[in-house]
């Protein structure tokens, strides 16, 4: 199957739930400033395609980011990087 190359979010082949590994990877993007405070992160479908994972995996990963206080989701607006304390 040819198509766009999927981004790798677990290059070290760590074991664990895929959604937790993805959440950790996305948190790293925030920590490194690749997704700055206030920026809108890509939508769930876009992330699903970008990383080659199921939509539910992205939803669970996003939920973890919200629980960690890293992002805020505004209904009908999107998910944004939250200010860090």
Protein backbone atom coordinates (compact mmCIF):
# COMPACT_ATOMS: atom_id res chain seq x y z
CA UNK A 1 0.00 0.00 0.00
CA UNK A 2 1.51 3.28 -1.10
CA UNK A 3 0.57 6.55 0.50
CA UNK A 4 1.96 9.24 2.73
CA UNK A 5 4.65 8.07 5.13
CA UNK A 6 3.33 7.80 8.67
CA UNK A 7 5.05 9.74 11.41
CA UNK A 8 6.65 7.61 14.07
CA UNK A 9 5.57 8.24 17.64
CA UNK A 10 7.25 5.21 19.21
CA UNK A 11 10.69 4.89 17.58
CA UNK A 12 12.11 3.00 20.59
CA UNK A 13 9.34 0.36 20.37
CA UNK A 14 8.30 0.87 23.98
CA UNK A 15 5.54 -1.39 25.20
CA UNK A 16 2.25 -0.07 26.49
CA UNK A 17 -1.10 1.14 25.32
CA UNK A 18 -0.87 2.86 21.95
CA UNK A 19 -2.92 5.84 23.12
CA UNK A 20 -0.57 6.45 26.08
CA UNK A 21 2.48 6.23 23.84
CA UNK A 22 0.88 8.66 21.41
CA UNK A 23 -0.08 11.02 24.24
CA UNK A 24 3.52 10.98 25.50
CA UNK A 25 4.76 11.78 21.99
CA UNK A 26 2.30 14.65 21.57
CA UNK A 27 3.20 15.97 25.03
CA UNK A 28 6.82 16.03 23.86
CA UNK A 29 5.83 18.22 20.90
CA UNK A 30 4.28 20.66 23.37
CA UNK A 31 7.27 20.52 25.75
CA UNK A 32 9.71 21.21 22.91
CA UNK A 33 7.64 24.15 21.69
CA UNK A 34 6.79 22.58 18.34
CA UNK A 35 3.17 23.24 19.32
CA UNK A 36 3.38 26.61 21.13
CA UNK A 37 0.95 27.79 23.80
CA UNK A 38 -2.33 28.92 22.27
CA UNK A 39 -1.81 27.07 19.01
CA UNK A 40 -4.53 24.81 17.65
CA UNK A 41 -3.37 21.24 17.36
CA UNK A 42 -4.37 19.20 14.32
CA UNK A 43 -7.82 17.63 14.42
CA UNK A 44 -8.42 14.06 15.49
CA UNK A 45 -8.90 12.77 11.95
CA UNK A 46 -5.74 14.51 10.74
CA UNK A 47 -3.71 13.04 13.62
CA UNK A 48 -5.21 9.61 12.97
CA UNK A 49 -4.06 9.73 9.36
CA UNK A 50 -0.72 11.35 10.19
CA UNK A 51 0.25 8.65 12.70
CA UNK A 52 -1.60 5.73 11.16
CA UNK A 53 -3.69 4.96 14.23
CA UNK A 54 -7.41 4.55 14.87
CA UNK A 55 -9.52 7.60 15.59
CA UNK A 56 -10.35 6.23 19.04
CA UNK A 57 -6.62 6.03 19.83
CA UNK A 58 -6.27 9.74 19.05
CA UNK A 59 -9.35 10.57 21.14
CA UNK A 60 -7.95 8.70 24.14
CA UNK A 61 -4.54 10.36 23.70
CA UNK A 62 -6.17 13.79 23.54
CA UNK A 63 -8.15 13.01 26.69
CA UNK A 64 -4.89 12.19 28.48
CA UNK A 65 -3.41 15.51 27.34
CA UNK A 66 -6.48 17.31 28.73
CA UNK A 67 -6.17 15.44 32.03
CA UNK A 68 -2.50 16.46 32.22
CA UNK A 69 -3.52 20.09 31.66
CA UNK A 70 -1.53 20.36 28.44
CA UNK A 71 -4.45 21.14 26.12
CA UNK A 72 -7.96 22.58 26.27
CA UNK A 73 -10.75 21.55 23.93
CA UNK A 74 -13.37 24.12 22.99
CA UNK A 75 -16.53 22.72 21.47
CA UNK A 76 -16.80 23.48 17.75
CA UNK A 77 -13.46 25.32 17.87
CA UNK A 78 -10.79 22.68 18.33
CA UNK A 79 -8.09 21.69 20.78
CA UNK A 80 -5.48 24.22 21.83
CA UNK A 81 -2.21 24.09 23.76
CA UNK A 82 -2.87 25.35 27.27
CA UNK A 83 -0.61 27.75 29.15
CA UNK A 84 1.77 25.82 31.39
CA UNK A 85 2.06 26.64 35.06
